[in-house]
Structure formats: structure tokens, C-alpha cells
């Protein structure tokens, strides 16, 4: 007897998503949800938590230089 793949919540819409190799967008339920999530990361709506004081001072100046050239 073969186990059924688990059904998980889609991180984007909260709908059901089959977590199996047959779902090419896993853990998302669709290509659209995967793209919505990617867009949120790309536009910096999502960020990895961290403390700026953990960075080396030279890294902070690099970040401010990059920010100045992007806007």
C-alpha cells in the first residue's frame, strides 16, 4: 500500500496544496501563488529577520551605498 502525499496549506493563499513531486509548484498550489510569493520577496515585503548590530561596520556602509544607487 502506497502512502498518499500530504496536503499542506499554500503559503500564499492558504488553500490546499498537494506536497508531491507531481505538484511542480509545491508548496504552493499554483504557479500564480508561487509568483505572488516571489514578487513579495523581490519587492522586499518579506525580509529575513536579523539585527543590524550583528553586521560588520563595513557591511553597513556597503548596504547604504547599494540603497543609494537603487533609488
N, C-alpha and C. Protein backbone atom coordinates (compact mmCIF):
# COMPACT_ATOMS: atom_id res chain seq x y z
N UNK A 1 0.85 -1.19 0.00
CA UNK A 1 0.00 0.00 0.00
C UNK A 1 0.89 1.24 0.00
N UNK A 2 0.59 2.15 -0.90
CA UNK A 2 1.40 3.35 -1.04
C UNK A 2 0.77 4.49 -0.22
N UNK A 3 1.63 5.25 0.47
CA UNK A 3 1.15 6.38 1.25
C UNK A 3 0.73 7.52 0.33
N UNK A 4 -0.33 8.21 0.72
CA UNK A 4 -0.77 9.38 -0.03
C UNK A 4 0.12 10.56 0.35
N UNK A 5 0.47 11.41 -0.63
CA UNK A 5 1.26 12.60 -0.30
C UNK A 5 0.45 13.53 0.60
N UNK A 6 1.12 14.24 1.48
CA UNK A 6 0.40 15.14 2.38
C UNK A 6 -0.18 16.34 1.63
N UNK A 7 -1.25 16.84 2.18
CA UNK A 7 -1.84 18.09 1.68
C UNK A 7 -1.47 19.16 2.70
N UNK A 8 -0.85 20.23 2.21
CA UNK A 8 -0.39 21.32 3.07
C UNK A 8 -1.11 22.61 2.67
N UNK A 9 -0.99 23.62 3.51
CA UNK A 9 -1.56 24.93 3.19
C UNK A 9 -0.61 25.68 2.26
N UNK A 10 -1.18 26.26 1.23
CA UNK A 10 -0.39 27.10 0.32
C UNK A 10 0.05 28.34 1.10
N UNK A 11 1.34 28.68 1.10
CA UNK A 11 1.82 29.84 1.86
C UNK A 11 1.25 31.16 1.34
N UNK A 12 0.81 31.20 0.10
CA UNK A 12 0.32 32.46 -0.47
C UNK A 12 -1.17 32.67 -0.23
N UNK A 13 -1.99 31.66 -0.53
CA UNK A 13 -3.44 31.86 -0.45
C UNK A 13 -4.10 31.10 0.69
N UNK A 14 -3.39 30.14 1.28
CA UNK A 14 -3.95 29.35 2.38
C UNK A 14 -4.79 28.17 1.92
N UNK A 15 -4.91 27.99 0.61
CA UNK A 15 -5.67 26.85 0.09
C UNK A 15 -4.91 25.55 0.23
N UNK A 16 -5.53 24.47 -0.18
CA UNK A 16 -4.90 23.16 -0.09
C UNK A 16 -3.92 22.97 -1.23
N UNK A 17 -2.78 22.37 -0.92
CA UNK A 17 -1.75 22.12 -1.92
C UNK A 17 -1.17 20.73 -1.69
N UNK A 18 -1.12 19.95 -2.75
CA UNK A 18 -0.55 18.61 -2.67
C UNK A 18 0.97 18.72 -2.62
N UNK A 19 1.57 18.18 -1.57
CA UNK A 19 3.03 18.25 -1.43
C UNK A 19 3.62 16.96 -1.98
N UNK A 20 3.77 16.96 -3.32
CA UNK A 20 4.26 15.77 -4.01
C UNK A 20 5.02 16.19 -5.26
N UNK A 21 5.90 15.34 -5.77
CA UNK A 21 6.64 15.67 -6.99
C UNK A 21 5.73 16.01 -8.18
N UNK A 22 4.51 15.52 -8.17
CA UNK A 22 3.58 15.83 -9.26
C UNK A 22 3.11 17.29 -9.23
N UNK A 23 3.27 17.96 -8.10
CA UNK A 23 2.91 19.38 -8.00
C UNK A 23 4.18 20.20 -8.22
N UNK A 24 4.36 20.70 -9.42
CA UNK A 24 5.60 21.40 -9.75
C UNK A 24 5.77 22.73 -9.02
N UNK A 25 4.71 23.22 -8.38
CA UNK A 25 4.81 24.50 -7.66
C UNK A 25 4.87 24.31 -6.15
N UNK A 26 4.99 23.08 -5.68
CA UNK A 26 4.96 22.84 -4.23
C UNK A 26 5.95 23.73 -3.50
N UNK A 27 5.68 24.27 -2.36
CA UNK A 27 4.50 24.02 -1.55
C UNK A 27 3.29 24.87 -1.94
N UNK A 28 3.40 25.61 -3.04
CA UNK A 28 2.30 26.45 -3.49
C UNK A 28 1.28 25.61 -4.26
N UNK A 29 0.06 26.12 -4.36
CA UNK A 29 -0.99 25.38 -5.05
C UNK A 29 -1.00 25.67 -6.54
N UNK A 30 -0.37 26.76 -6.96
CA UNK A 30 -0.40 27.13 -8.38
C UNK A 30 0.81 27.98 -8.73
N UNK A 31 1.00 28.14 -10.02
CA UNK A 31 2.09 29.00 -10.49
C UNK A 31 1.85 30.44 -10.05
N UNK A 32 0.60 30.87 -10.08
CA UNK A 32 0.27 32.24 -9.67
C UNK A 32 0.69 32.49 -8.23
N UNK A 33 0.35 31.57 -7.33
CA UNK A 33 0.71 31.75 -5.92
C UNK A 33 2.23 31.78 -5.74
N UNK A 34 2.93 30.95 -6.49
CA UNK A 34 4.39 30.94 -6.41
C UNK A 34 4.94 32.29 -6.87
N UNK A 35 4.38 32.85 -7.94
CA UNK A 35 4.84 34.14 -8.45
C UNK A 35 4.49 35.29 -7.52
N UNK A 36 3.32 35.22 -6.89
CA UNK A 36 2.94 36.24 -5.92
C UNK A 36 3.93 36.26 -4.76
N UNK A 37 4.30 35.08 -4.27
CA UNK A 37 5.27 34.98 -3.18
C UNK A 37 6.63 35.52 -3.61
N UNK A 38 7.08 35.14 -4.80
CA UNK A 38 8.36 35.62 -5.31
C UNK A 38 8.34 37.14 -5.44
N UNK A 39 7.25 37.69 -5.92
CA UNK A 39 7.12 39.14 -6.05
C UNK A 39 7.21 39.86 -4.71
N UNK A 40 6.63 39.26 -3.68
CA UNK A 40 6.69 39.85 -2.34
C UNK A 40 8.13 39.89 -1.83
N UNK A 41 8.89 38.82 -2.09
CA UNK A 41 10.31 38.82 -1.70
C UNK A 41 11.07 39.85 -2.52
N UNK A 42 10.81 39.91 -3.82
CA UNK A 42 11.55 40.82 -4.71
C UNK A 42 11.28 42.28 -4.37
N UNK A 43 10.08 42.59 -3.92
CA UNK A 43 9.75 43.97 -3.57
C UNK A 43 10.02 44.27 -2.09
N UNK A 44 10.65 43.33 -1.42
CA UNK A 44 11.05 43.45 -0.01
C UNK A 44 9.88 43.57 0.95
N UNK A 45 8.70 43.03 0.56
CA UNK A 45 7.60 42.93 1.51
C UNK A 45 7.95 41.91 2.59
N UNK A 46 8.68 40.87 2.20
CA UNK A 46 9.18 39.87 3.14
C UNK A 46 10.67 40.13 3.34
N UNK A 47 11.12 39.95 4.56
CA UNK A 47 12.54 40.13 4.86
C UNK A 47 12.97 39.08 5.87
N UNK A 48 14.22 38.71 5.80
CA UNK A 48 14.78 37.79 6.77
C UNK A 48 15.14 38.61 8.00
N UNK A 49 14.65 38.19 9.15
CA UNK A 49 14.90 38.93 10.38
C UNK A 49 16.37 38.84 10.76
N UNK A 50 16.87 39.91 11.28
CA UNK A 50 18.26 39.94 11.73
C UNK A 50 18.54 41.28 12.37
N UNK A 51 19.57 41.33 13.15
CA UNK A 51 19.94 42.56 13.83
C UNK A 51 21.06 43.24 13.07
N UNK A 52 20.92 44.53 12.83
CA UNK A 52 21.96 45.26 12.13
C UNK A 52 23.26 45.30 12.93
N UNK A 53 23.16 45.27 14.26
CA UNK A 53 24.38 45.32 15.06
C UNK A 53 25.22 44.06 14.91
N UNK A 54 24.64 43.00 14.35
CA UNK A 54 25.41 41.78 14.09
C UNK A 54 26.30 41.90 12.87
N UNK A 55 26.08 42.95 12.07
CA UNK A 55 26.87 43.13 10.86
C UNK A 55 28.17 43.87 11.16
N UNK A 56 29.16 43.60 10.37
CA UNK A 56 30.42 44.32 10.43
C UNK A 56 30.16 45.75 9.93
N UNK A 57 30.77 46.80 10.54
CA UNK A 57 30.53 48.17 10.10
C UNK A 57 30.79 48.39 8.60
N UNK A 58 31.74 47.68 8.03
CA UNK A 58 31.99 47.85 6.59
C UNK A 58 30.82 47.31 5.77
N UNK A 59 30.13 46.28 6.28
CA UNK A 59 28.96 45.76 5.58
C UNK A 59 27.82 46.76 5.61
N UNK A 60 27.69 47.51 6.71
CA UNK A 60 26.65 48.52 6.80
C UNK A 60 26.86 49.62 5.76
N UNK A 61 28.09 50.06 5.58
CA UNK A 61 28.34 51.09 4.58
C UNK A 61 28.08 50.55 3.18
N UNK A 62 28.39 49.28 2.94
CA UNK A 62 28.08 48.67 1.65
C UNK A 62 26.58 48.68 1.40
N UNK A 63 25.79 48.39 2.43
CA UNK A 63 24.34 48.38 2.28
C UNK A 63 23.81 49.77 1.97
N UNK A 64 24.31 50.79 2.64
CA UNK A 64 23.82 52.14 2.37
C UNK A 64 24.24 52.61 0.99
N UNK A 65 25.42 52.19 0.51
CA UNK A 65 25.86 52.53 -0.84
C UNK A 65 24.92 51.90 -1.87
N UNK A 66 24.55 50.64 -1.65
CA UNK A 66 23.65 49.94 -2.57
C UNK A 66 22.28 50.58 -2.57
N UNK A 67 21.80 50.97 -1.41
CA UNK A 67 20.49 51.58 -1.30
C UNK A 67 20.45 52.91 -2.04
N UNK A 68 21.51 53.67 -1.94
CA UNK A 68 21.57 54.97 -2.61
C UNK A 68 21.54 54.83 -4.12
N UNK A 69 22.15 53.80 -4.65
CA UNK A 69 22.19 53.63 -6.10
C UNK A 69 20.91 53.01 -6.65
N UNK A 70 20.11 52.37 -5.81
CA UNK A 70 18.89 51.71 -6.28
C UNK A 70 17.72 52.66 -6.37
N UNK A 71 17.74 53.78 -5.69
CA UNK A 71 16.55 54.65 -5.65
C UNK A 71 16.68 55.79 -6.58
